[in-house]
């Protein structure tokens, strides 16, 4: 009878409501809207973006799917607050989560580096002389984040596959170090195996925080250096500063979220991650995870509001401006946006920045 007590039913409703909110945020932003944005870039003839930016969007799609694996089928039901997955399923998700955090951070940093390198090429008038170098640079920005992703996943699997031990020290059959939390699984190393209850999940978090800090530093430095550069204003199309501000806005949002995560149980009370149902402090299982789930949606809202993308979606509306080869119009047209994919084009206004 205790399983159907009013308190348990109440907690079950809260837990299921939290799962619905978490899954809705992840699916809406990362599995519906971002794929639409990527398909628009790939299929539209009037929207062009660098592969680095497409990789950035895809990394957040991957992140959304990985974080949703446990709640796709429901983390709880009206009778049970905790429907635990198999140990193998939990280990797979926990390992992937350890990989997607540095993946999304490095792809975001890649967008920043691509932006700054293009500004520097325009400033030094070396755009036409560095097409091969830029291709190699772009290729490295595409490959390196996913290389780090696989490294973190492999290390997590190797470490996490170790059998867990019970309170009496005896090994638990068919177990590993991955444990299910409220919405997803994580790998937590026992305090006896690492000093200070070091969590394997903390390593990608600290890496992400460090890289995000460098990213903001570079963005702030670029604003300070380039704000009065008349050469850039002359050579680059109108609106390039808007692209920079969009990048800065997203970086600030992500950095703020990482700082807020300092209040998560991952860092301050790891054991609370694995309490089934609703914890005493709902901030742990609710607000912080909800904020994390909004990042793919934030990516879409910030970067899908570009003029050329909106025009591609409003395909029934004809462009009232006649086509012209005039340089001034060429600089202002959304087609010549600095976030276009002009890898093979050496004109400054076609040089890719995002």
Protein backbone atom coordinates (compact mmCIF):
# COMPACT_ATOMS: atom_id res chain seq x y z
CA UNK A 1 0.00 0.00 0.00
CA UNK A 2 2.87 2.34 0.69
CA UNK A 3 3.73 2.32 -3.00
CA UNK A 4 0.44 4.08 -3.69
CA UNK A 5 0.52 6.53 -0.79
CA UNK A 6 -0.53 10.13 -1.51
CA UNK A 7 3.05 11.32 -0.97
CA UNK A 8 4.45 8.85 -3.48
CA UNK A 9 1.78 9.71 -6.04
CA UNK A 10 2.57 13.41 -5.53
CA UNK A 11 6.30 12.86 -6.00
CA UNK A 12 5.65 10.71 -9.06
CA UNK A 13 3.61 13.48 -10.67
CA UNK A 14 6.35 16.02 -10.01
CA UNK A 15 9.01 13.68 -11.37
CA UNK A 16 7.03 12.95 -14.53
CA UNK A 17 6.29 16.64 -15.04
CA UNK A 18 10.01 17.40 -14.72
CA UNK A 19 10.80 14.69 -17.25
CA UNK A 20 8.27 16.12 -19.69
CA UNK A 21 9.73 19.63 -19.40
CA UNK A 22 13.30 18.37 -19.76
CA UNK A 23 12.48 16.21 -22.79
CA UNK A 24 10.37 18.93 -24.42
CA UNK A 25 13.22 21.45 -24.16
CA UNK A 26 15.79 19.01 -25.54
CA UNK A 27 13.62 17.78 -28.41
CA UNK A 28 12.26 21.18 -29.44
CA UNK A 29 15.62 22.91 -29.66
CA UNK A 30 18.03 20.13 -30.54
CA UNK A 31 15.94 17.62 -32.48
CA UNK A 32 13.40 19.76 -34.33
CA UNK A 33 14.54 23.37 -34.75
CA UNK A 34 18.29 22.87 -35.16
CA UNK A 35 17.87 20.15 -37.83
CA UNK A 36 15.56 22.57 -39.67
CA UNK A 37 18.30 25.22 -39.50
CA UNK A 38 20.95 22.81 -40.77
CA UNK A 39 18.72 21.61 -43.62
CA UNK A 40 18.01 25.22 -44.56
CA UNK A 41 21.74 25.94 -44.79
CA UNK A 42 22.43 22.79 -46.79
CA UNK A 43 19.48 22.95 -49.19
CA UNK A 44 18.90 26.66 -49.71
CA UNK A 45 20.75 28.33 -52.58
CA UNK A 46 20.66 31.70 -50.83
CA UNK A 47 21.94 30.65 -47.40
CA UNK A 48 25.62 29.83 -47.05
CA UNK A 49 27.55 28.95 -43.93
CA UNK A 50 30.99 27.58 -43.24
CA UNK A 51 31.25 23.86 -42.39
CA UNK A 52 32.54 24.91 -38.96
CA UNK A 53 29.21 26.55 -38.19
CA UNK A 54 27.29 23.51 -39.47
CA UNK A 55 29.46 21.30 -37.26
CA UNK A 56 28.66 23.59 -34.34
CA UNK A 57 24.92 23.11 -34.92
CA UNK A 58 25.31 19.36 -35.37
CA UNK A 59 27.21 19.07 -32.08
CA UNK A 60 24.23 20.52 -30.23
CA UNK A 61 21.92 18.11 -32.04
CA UNK A 62 24.11 15.25 -30.84
CA UNK A 63 24.11 16.70 -27.32
CA UNK A 64 20.32 16.90 -27.29
CA UNK A 65 19.93 13.28 -28.38
CA UNK A 66 22.49 12.01 -25.87
CA UNK A 67 20.90 13.81 -22.92
CA UNK A 68 17.45 12.53 -23.93
CA UNK A 69 18.28 8.83 -24.17
CA UNK A 70 17.11 7.94 -20.66
CA UNK A 71 13.88 9.95 -20.74
CA UNK A 72 12.74 8.92 -24.22
CA UNK A 73 10.93 5.96 -22.72
CA UNK A 74 10.22 7.65 -19.39
CA UNK A 75 12.33 7.76 -16.26
CA UNK A 76 9.34 6.92 -14.03
CA UNK A 77 5.69 5.86 -14.12
CA UNK A 78 2.73 6.35 -11.74
CA UNK A 79 3.76 3.26 -9.76
CA UNK A 80 7.54 3.62 -9.73
CA UNK A 81 9.61 6.76 -9.27
CA UNK A 82 12.67 5.16 -10.80
CA UNK A 83 12.65 2.94 -13.88
CA UNK A 84 16.33 2.13 -14.01
CA UNK A 85 17.92 1.26 -17.35
CA UNK A 86 20.28 -1.65 -17.73
CA UNK A 87 23.84 -1.09 -16.57
CA UNK A 88 25.06 -1.25 -20.19
CA UNK A 89 22.57 1.39 -21.36
CA UNK A 90 23.49 3.63 -18.46
CA UNK A 91 27.22 3.28 -19.15
CA UNK A 92 26.73 4.15 -22.83
CA UNK A 93 24.78 7.31 -22.03
CA UNK A 94 27.13 8.38 -19.25
CA UNK A 95 30.15 7.94 -21.52
CA UNK A 96 28.49 9.88 -24.34
CA UNK A 97 27.59 12.70 -21.93
CA UNK A 98 31.22 12.91 -20.86
CA UNK A 99 32.06 13.36 -24.54
CA UNK A 100 29.39 15.83 -25.69
CA UNK A 101 30.29 18.49 -23.14
CA UNK A 102 33.81 19.06 -24.56
CA UNK A 103 32.42 18.46 -28.07
CA UNK A 104 29.95 21.34 -27.90
CA UNK A 105 32.46 23.56 -26.15
CA UNK A 106 35.15 23.00 -28.76
CA UNK A 107 32.79 23.46 -31.72
CA UNK A 108 31.66 26.73 -30.15
CA UNK A 109 35.28 27.76 -29.72
CA UNK A 110 35.87 26.74 -33.33
CA UNK A 111 33.24 29.22 -34.51
CA UNK A 112 35.00 31.94 -32.51
CA UNK A 113 38.42 31.04 -33.94
CA UNK A 114 37.02 30.98 -37.47
CA UNK A 115 35.51 34.42 -36.93
CA UNK A 116 38.70 35.94 -35.53
CA UNK A 117 40.95 34.35 -38.15
CA UNK A 118 38.79 35.79 -40.92
CA UNK A 119 38.88 39.24 -39.34
CA UNK A 120 42.64 38.98 -39.12
CA UNK A 121 42.91 37.89 -42.77
CA UNK A 122 40.89 40.90 -43.87
CA UNK A 123 42.85 43.24 -41.63
CA UNK A 124 46.20 42.03 -42.97
CA UNK A 125 44.90 41.70 -46.56
CA UNK A 126 46.05 38.08 -46.72
CA UNK A 127 42.70 36.57 -47.69
CA UNK A 128 43.75 35.82 -51.26
CA UNK A 129 47.10 34.35 -50.21
CA UNK A 130 45.92 31.84 -47.65
CA UNK A 131 43.15 29.79 -49.22
CA UNK A 132 45.04 26.50 -48.73
CA UNK A 133 45.98 27.36 -45.17
CA UNK A 134 42.40 28.32 -44.44
CA UNK A 135 41.16 24.98 -45.76
CA UNK A 136 43.58 23.15 -43.49
CA UNK A 137 42.59 25.39 -40.59
CA UNK A 138 38.90 24.74 -41.26
CA UNK A 139 39.53 21.00 -41.50
CA UNK A 140 41.29 21.01 -38.14
CA UNK A 141 38.37 22.88 -36.56
CA UNK A 142 36.04 20.23 -37.95
CA UNK A 143 38.02 17.17 -36.86
CA UNK A 144 39.52 18.11 -33.50
CA UNK A 145 36.26 18.50 -31.47
CA UNK A 146 35.03 15.07 -32.55
CA UNK A 147 38.45 13.56 -31.88
CA UNK A 148 38.25 14.87 -28.31
CA UNK A 149 34.67 13.61 -28.10
CA UNK A 150 35.73 10.04 -28.94
CA UNK A 151 38.70 10.22 -26.57
CA UNK A 152 36.45 11.19 -23.65
CA UNK A 153 33.90 8.52 -24.57
CA UNK A 154 36.52 5.77 -24.81
CA UNK A 155 38.18 6.75 -21.52
CA UNK A 156 34.79 6.89 -19.81
CA UNK A 157 33.86 3.42 -21.06
CA UNK A 158 37.19 1.94 -19.99
CA UNK A 159 36.99 3.46 -16.50
CA UNK A 160 33.25 3.11 -16.03
CA UNK A 161 33.03 -0.54 -17.03
CA UNK A 162 34.67 -1.51 -13.73
CA UNK A 163 32.25 -3.46 -11.56
CA UNK A 164 30.68 -1.54 -8.68
CA UNK A 165 30.98 -2.65 -5.08
CA UNK A 166 28.29 -2.81 -2.42
CA UNK A 167 28.45 -1.21 1.01
CA UNK A 168 30.04 -4.38 2.34
CA UNK A 169 32.79 -4.21 -0.27
CA UNK A 170 31.57 -7.20 -2.25
CA UNK A 171 31.31 -6.78 -6.04
CA UNK A 172 27.82 -6.28 -7.45
CA UNK A 173 27.09 -8.71 -10.31
CA UNK A 174 26.48 -7.24 -13.78
CA UNK A 175 27.24 -3.68 -12.65
CA UNK A 176 29.49 -0.76 -13.54
CA UNK A 177 30.23 2.73 -12.23
CA UNK A 178 27.46 4.42 -14.24
CA UNK A 179 24.39 5.31 -12.20
CA UNK A 180 21.07 6.85 -13.31
CA UNK A 181 20.18 10.30 -12.06
CA UNK A 182 16.89 12.11 -12.42
CA UNK A 183 17.16 12.56 -16.20
CA UNK A 184 20.39 10.92 -17.35
CA UNK A 185 23.23 8.66 -16.24
CA UNK A 186 26.64 9.74 -15.00
CA UNK A 187 29.83 8.00 -13.96
CA UNK A 188 30.91 8.81 -10.42
CA UNK A 189 34.15 7.37 -9.11
CA UNK A 190 34.00 6.26 -5.51
CA UNK A 191 35.95 8.37 -3.01
CA UNK A 192 38.14 5.38 -2.22
CA UNK A 193 39.34 5.21 -5.83
CA UNK A 194 40.17 8.88 -6.24
CA UNK A 195 41.01 11.67 -3.80
CA UNK A 196 38.25 14.03 -2.74
CA UNK A 197 35.39 12.12 -4.40
CA UNK A 198 36.70 13.08 -7.82
CA UNK A 199 33.99 12.55 -10.38
CA UNK A 200 34.87 11.48 -13.89
CA UNK A 201 32.05 13.76 -15.02
CA UNK A 202 33.87 16.79 -13.61
CA UNK A 203 36.77 16.56 -16.07
CA UNK A 204 34.75 17.56 -19.17
CA UNK A 205 32.97 20.20 -17.11
CA UNK A 206 36.19 21.91 -16.05
CA UNK A 207 37.56 21.62 -19.59
CA UNK A 208 34.40 23.28 -20.93
CA UNK A 209 34.58 26.06 -18.37
CA UNK A 210 38.23 26.74 -19.19
CA UNK A 211 37.70 26.78 -22.96
CA UNK A 212 34.60 28.97 -22.58
CA UNK A 213 36.62 31.43 -20.51
CA UNK A 214 39.28 31.63 -23.23
CA UNK A 215 36.56 32.06 -25.83
CA UNK A 216 35.07 35.04 -24.02
CA UNK A 217 38.54 36.49 -23.54
CA UNK A 218 39.25 36.26 -27.28
CA UNK A 219 35.86 37.74 -28.15
CA UNK A 220 36.34 40.65 -25.75
CA UNK A 221 39.83 41.26 -27.09
CA UNK A 222 38.57 41.25 -30.68
CA UNK A 223 35.90 43.81 -29.86
CA UNK A 224 38.51 46.05 -28.24
CA UNK A 225 40.98 45.70 -31.12
CA UNK A 226 38.64 45.86 -34.08
CA UNK A 227 36.03 48.34 -32.88
CA UNK A 228 37.81 51.30 -34.51
CA UNK A 229 39.30 49.48 -37.49
CA UNK A 230 38.15 51.50 -40.49
CA UNK A 231 39.68 48.93 -42.82
CA UNK A 232 37.34 46.24 -41.55
CA UNK A 233 34.32 48.50 -41.85
CA UNK A 234 35.35 49.28 -45.42
CA UNK A 235 36.10 45.76 -46.61
CA UNK A 236 33.59 43.70 -44.68
CA UNK A 237 29.86 43.73 -45.45
CA UNK A 238 27.56 45.77 -43.28
CA UNK A 239 26.33 43.70 -40.37
CA UNK A 240 29.55 41.89 -39.48
CA UNK A 241 29.38 43.37 -35.99
CA UNK A 242 25.96 41.79 -35.54
CA UNK A 243 27.51 38.39 -36.14
CA UNK A 244 30.13 39.09 -33.50
CA UNK A 245 27.48 40.18 -31.02
CA UNK A 246 25.49 37.01 -31.69
CA UNK A 247 28.56 34.91 -30.96
CA UNK A 248 29.28 36.89 -27.80
CA UNK A 249 25.65 36.61 -26.67
CA UNK A 250 25.70 32.83 -26.99
CA UNK A 251 29.12 32.54 -25.34
CA UNK A 252 27.93 34.62 -22.39
CA UNK A 253 24.83 32.46 -22.08
CA UNK A 254 26.86 29.26 -22.11
CA UNK A 255 29.48 30.61 -19.71
CA UNK A 256 26.78 31.78 -17.30
CA UNK A 257 25.18 28.36 -17.43
CA UNK A 258 28.49 26.66 -16.67
CA UNK A 259 28.96 28.98 -13.69
CA UNK A 260 25.47 28.17 -12.44
CA UNK A 261 26.36 24.49 -12.65
CA UNK A 262 28.79 25.07 -9.81
CA UNK A 263 25.67 24.76 -7.65
CA UNK A 264 24.84 21.37 -9.14
CA UNK A 265 25.32 18.18 -7.12
CA UNK A 266 27.96 17.16 -9.65
CA UNK A 267 30.32 19.57 -7.91
CA UNK A 268 28.92 20.18 -4.43
CA UNK A 269 27.04 16.98 -3.52
CA UNK A 270 27.62 14.19 -6.05
CA UNK A 271 25.60 11.62 -4.14
CA UNK A 272 22.42 13.67 -4.65
CA UNK A 273 22.62 12.99 -8.36
CA UNK A 274 21.59 9.41 -7.77
CA UNK A 275 18.65 9.86 -5.43
CA UNK A 276 15.64 8.36 -7.14
CA UNK A 277 12.61 10.53 -7.63
CA UNK A 278 12.57 14.10 -6.41
CA UNK A 279 15.35 15.24 -4.11
CA UNK A 280 14.85 17.56 -1.17
CA UNK A 281 16.50 20.35 -3.13
CA UNK A 282 14.63 20.38 -6.42
CA UNK A 283 17.22 22.81 -7.85
CA UNK A 284 19.47 19.80 -8.37
CA UNK A 285 17.10 17.75 -10.47
CA UNK A 286 15.11 20.58 -11.98
CA UNK A 287 16.22 24.12 -12.65
CA UNK A 288 19.87 23.52 -13.55
CA UNK A 289 19.06 20.61 -15.85
CA UNK A 290 16.27 22.63 -17.44
CA UNK A 291 18.69 25.48 -18.11
CA UNK A 292 21.15 23.05 -19.68
CA UNK A 293 18.34 21.71 -21.88
CA UNK A 294 17.61 25.20 -23.23
CA UNK A 295 21.03 25.61 -24.88
CA UNK A 296 20.10 23.99 -28.23
CA UNK A 297 17.02 26.20 -28.31
CA UNK A 298 19.20 29.24 -27.58
CA UNK A 299 21.49 28.29 -30.47
CA UNK A 300 18.51 28.28 -32.81
CA UNK A 301 17.02 31.54 -31.57
CA UNK A 302 20.34 33.41 -31.73
CA UNK A 303 21.65 32.18 -35.07
CA UNK A 304 18.46 31.37 -37.00
CA UNK A 305 17.29 34.98 -36.85
CA UNK A 306 19.78 36.01 -39.56
CA UNK A 307 18.12 37.87 -42.42
CA UNK A 308 19.07 35.40 -45.16
CA UNK A 309 17.67 32.47 -43.18
CA UNK A 310 14.40 34.26 -42.48
CA UNK A 311 14.13 35.14 -46.17
CA UNK A 312 14.71 31.50 -47.11
CA UNK A 313 11.84 30.43 -44.87
CA UNK A 314 9.59 33.16 -46.28
CA UNK A 315 10.16 31.86 -49.81
CA UNK A 316 6.77 33.10 -51.00
CA UNK A 317 7.87 36.70 -50.50
CA UNK A 318 9.78 38.05 -53.48
CA UNK A 319 12.86 40.18 -52.97
CA UNK A 320 11.90 43.74 -53.86
CA UNK A 321 15.52 44.79 -54.47
CA UNK A 322 16.71 44.26 -58.06
CA UNK A 323 19.88 42.34 -58.63
CA UNK A 324 22.91 44.56 -59.12
CA UNK A 325 26.65 44.31 -59.24
CA UNK A 326 27.11 47.52 -57.35
CA UNK A 327 29.67 47.03 -54.59
CA UNK A 328 27.65 48.90 -52.02
CA UNK A 329 24.62 46.71 -52.54
CA UNK A 330 26.89 43.70 -52.57
CA UNK A 331 28.13 44.60 -49.13
CA UNK A 332 24.67 45.04 -47.68
CA UNK A 333 22.90 42.06 -49.19
CA UNK A 334 22.24 39.22 -46.83
CA UNK A 335 23.58 36.82 -49.42
CA UNK A 336 26.99 38.41 -48.91
CA UNK A 337 26.82 38.03 -45.15
CA UNK A 338 30.13 37.42 -43.46
CA UNK A 339 28.81 34.21 -42.06
CA UNK A 340 28.60 32.77 -45.58
CA UNK A 341 30.55 29.77 -46.70
CA UNK A 342 32.97 31.28 -49.17
CA UNK A 343 35.83 28.87 -48.63
CA UNK A 344 36.91 28.93 -52.24
CA UNK A 345 36.20 32.64 -52.77
CA UNK A 346 38.96 35.11 -52.04
CA UNK A 347 36.89 38.28 -51.90
CA UNK A 348 36.87 39.71 -48.38
CA UNK A 349 33.09 40.09 -48.24
CA UNK A 350 32.69 36.42 -49.11
CA UNK A 351 35.26 35.26 -46.60
CA UNK A 352 33.70 32.97 -44.06
CA UNK A 353 33.58 34.12 -40.47
CA UNK A 354 31.06 31.83 -38.84
